[in-house]
Amino acid sequence: MSRMQDYMELEDSVLDAAESAAYHDTVKTRIRAISHLFDAIGEHVSRSRFHDKPTVTAVLVRRAAERYVETRREVHAYVGAVA
């Protein structure tokens, strides 16, 4: 598998996990979930074949944070609309 395919699979997995973290019930569990995700990104990238590991890690963490925030906004909008 190419590095690009590796990256695409990793990014899909990261984005799914970030979205899942946004649905946890309490702030404490959401923070714990996103923290574990960030740790897992660092560990996975450090064991990968990527040449520029710091950049790949930074991009994945940024994308995960963006997805998390986007999903939380959608949850708040839905809850506000239902209430």
C-alpha atoms as a PDB file:
ATOM      1  CA  MET A   1       0.000   0.000   0.000  1.00  0.00           C
ATOM      2  CA  SER A   2       1.294   3.456  -0.862  1.00  0.00           C
ATOM      3  CA  ARG A   3       1.920   6.201   1.668  1.00  0.00           C
ATOM      4  CA  MET A   4      -0.979   8.152   0.189  1.00  0.00           C
ATOM      5  CA  GLN A   5      -3.353   5.230   0.691  1.00  0.00           C
ATOM      6  CA  ASP A   6      -2.011   4.813   4.231  1.00  0.00           C
ATOM      7  CA  TYR A   7      -2.674   8.487   4.883  1.00  0.00           C
ATOM      8  CA  MET A   8      -6.189   8.392   3.409  1.00  0.00           C
ATOM      9  CA  GLU A   9      -7.146   5.402   5.553  1.00  0.00           C
ATOM     10  CA  LEU A  10      -5.642   6.981   8.644  1.00  0.00           C
ATOM     11  CA  GLU A  11      -7.406  10.282   7.997  1.00  0.00           C
ATOM     12  CA  ASP A  12     -10.769   8.541   7.522  1.00  0.00           C
ATOM     13  CA  SER A  13     -10.273   6.694  10.774  1.00  0.00           C
ATOM     14  CA  VAL A  14      -9.230   9.869  12.610  1.00  0.00           C
ATOM     15  CA  LEU A  15     -12.222  11.838  11.321  1.00  0.00           C
ATOM     16  CA  ASP A  16     -14.638   9.071  12.311  1.00  0.00           C
ATOM     17  CA  ALA A  17     -13.129   8.917  15.806  1.00  0.00           C
ATOM     18  CA  ALA A  18     -13.301  12.714  16.202  1.00  0.00           C
ATOM     19  CA  GLU A  19     -16.945  12.727  15.183  1.00  0.00           C
ATOM     20  CA  SER A  20     -17.660   9.896  17.599  1.00  0.00           C
ATOM     21  CA  ALA A  21     -15.909  11.783  20.424  1.00  0.00           C
ATOM     22  CA  ALA A  22     -18.206  14.750  19.846  1.00  0.00           C
ATOM     23  CA  TYR A  23     -21.252  12.644  20.724  1.00  0.00           C
ATOM     24  CA  HIS A  24     -20.144  11.646  24.226  1.00  0.00           C
ATOM     25  CA  ASP A  25     -22.599  12.770  26.904  1.00  0.00           C
ATOM     26  CA  THR A  26     -20.370  14.713  29.260  1.00  0.00           C
ATOM     27  CA  VAL A  27     -17.600  17.220  28.752  1.00  0.00           C
ATOM     28  CA  LYS A  28     -15.235  15.019  30.738  1.00  0.00           C
ATOM     29  CA  THR A  29     -15.749  11.997  28.490  1.00  0.00           C
ATOM     30  CA  ARG A  30     -15.527  14.129  25.336  1.00  0.00           C
ATOM     31  CA  ILE A  31     -12.218  15.613  26.472  1.00  0.00           C
ATOM     32  CA  ARG A  32     -10.921  12.173  27.404  1.00  0.00           C
ATOM     33  CA  ALA A  33     -11.965  10.744  24.016  1.00  0.00           C
ATOM     34  CA  ILE A  34     -10.357  13.533  21.977  1.00  0.00           C
ATOM     35  CA  SER A  35      -7.217  13.363  24.129  1.00  0.00           C
ATOM     36  CA  HIS A  36      -6.918   9.627  23.504  1.00  0.00           C
ATOM     37  CA  LEU A  37      -7.447  10.278  19.804  1.00  0.00           C
ATOM     38  CA  PHE A  38      -4.625  12.843  19.714  1.00  0.00           C
ATOM     39  CA  ASP A  39      -2.327  10.407  21.544  1.00  0.00           C
ATOM     40  CA  ALA A  40      -3.247   7.629  19.103  1.00  0.00           C
ATOM     41  CA  ILE A  41      -2.503   9.886  16.127  1.00  0.00           C
ATOM     42  CA  GLY A  42       0.979  10.601  17.476  1.00  0.00           C
ATOM     43  CA  GLU A  43       1.687   6.951  18.176  1.00  0.00           C
ATOM     44  CA  HIS A  44       0.417   5.747  14.812  1.00  0.00           C
ATOM     45  CA  VAL A  45       2.297   8.368  12.817  1.00  0.00           C
ATOM     46  CA  SER A  46       5.522   7.726  14.757  1.00  0.00           C
ATOM     47  CA  ARG A  47       5.345   4.063  13.678  1.00  0.00           C
ATOM     48  CA  SER A  48       4.410   4.879  10.084  1.00  0.00           C
ATOM     49  CA  ARG A  49       6.367   5.184   6.838  1.00  0.00           C
ATOM     50  CA  PHE A  50       5.607   8.903   6.430  1.00  0.00           C
ATOM     51  CA  HIS A  51       8.690  11.037   5.773  1.00  0.00           C
ATOM     52  CA  ASP A  52       7.521  14.268   7.423  1.00  0.00           C
ATOM     53  CA  LYS A  53       5.973  12.869  10.581  1.00  0.00           C
ATOM     54  CA  PRO A  54       5.553  16.177  12.467  1.00  0.00           C
ATOM     55  CA  THR A  55       3.646  17.702   9.561  1.00  0.00           C
ATOM     56  CA  VAL A  56       1.430  14.631   9.110  1.00  0.00           C
ATOM     57  CA  THR A  57       0.702  14.606  12.840  1.00  0.00           C
ATOM     58  CA  ALA A  58      -0.143  18.316  12.847  1.00  0.00           C
ATOM     59  CA  VAL A  59      -2.460  18.005   9.854  1.00  0.00           C
ATOM     60  CA  LEU A  60      -4.302  15.024  11.333  1.00  0.00           C
ATOM     61  CA  VAL A  61      -4.700  16.700  14.726  1.00  0.00           C
ATOM     62  CA  ARG A  62      -5.986  19.874  13.064  1.00  0.00           C
ATOM     63  CA  ARG A  63      -8.441  17.902  10.900  1.00  0.00           C
ATOM     64  CA  ALA A  64      -9.638  15.942  13.949  1.00  0.00           C
ATOM     65  CA  ALA A  65     -10.188  19.146  15.923  1.00  0.00           C
ATOM     66  CA  GLU A  66     -12.081  20.720  13.025  1.00  0.00           C
ATOM     67  CA  ARG A  67     -14.340  17.671  12.661  1.00  0.00           C
ATOM     68  CA  TYR A  68     -14.949  17.567  16.409  1.00  0.00           C
ATOM     69  CA  VAL A  69     -15.958  21.249  16.538  1.00  0.00           C
ATOM     70  CA  GLU A  70     -18.105  20.941  13.416  1.00  0.00           C
ATOM     71  CA  THR A  71     -19.946  17.954  14.877  1.00  0.00           C
ATOM     72  CA  ARG A  72     -20.451  19.654  18.262  1.00  0.00           C
ATOM     73  CA  ARG A  73     -21.974  22.659  16.466  1.00  0.00           C
ATOM     74  CA  GLU A  74     -24.352  20.342  14.606  1.00  0.00           C
ATOM     75  CA  VAL A  75     -25.332  18.647  17.877  1.00  0.00           C
ATOM     76  CA  HIS A  76     -26.015  22.028  19.528  1.00  0.00           C
ATOM     77  CA  ALA A  77     -28.032  23.203  16.526  1.00  0.00           C
ATOM     78  CA  TYR A  78     -30.102  20.020  16.571  1.00  0.00           C
ATOM     79  CA  VAL A  79     -30.714  20.186  20.330  1.00  0.00           C
ATOM     80  CA  GLY A  80     -31.670  23.850  20.033  1.00  0.00           C
ATOM     81  CA  ALA A  81     -34.082  23.113  17.200  1.00  0.00           C
ATOM     82  CA  VAL A  82     -35.725  20.222  19.077  1.00  0.00           C
ATOM     83  CA  ALA A  83     -36.081  22.123  22.354  1.00  0.00           C
END
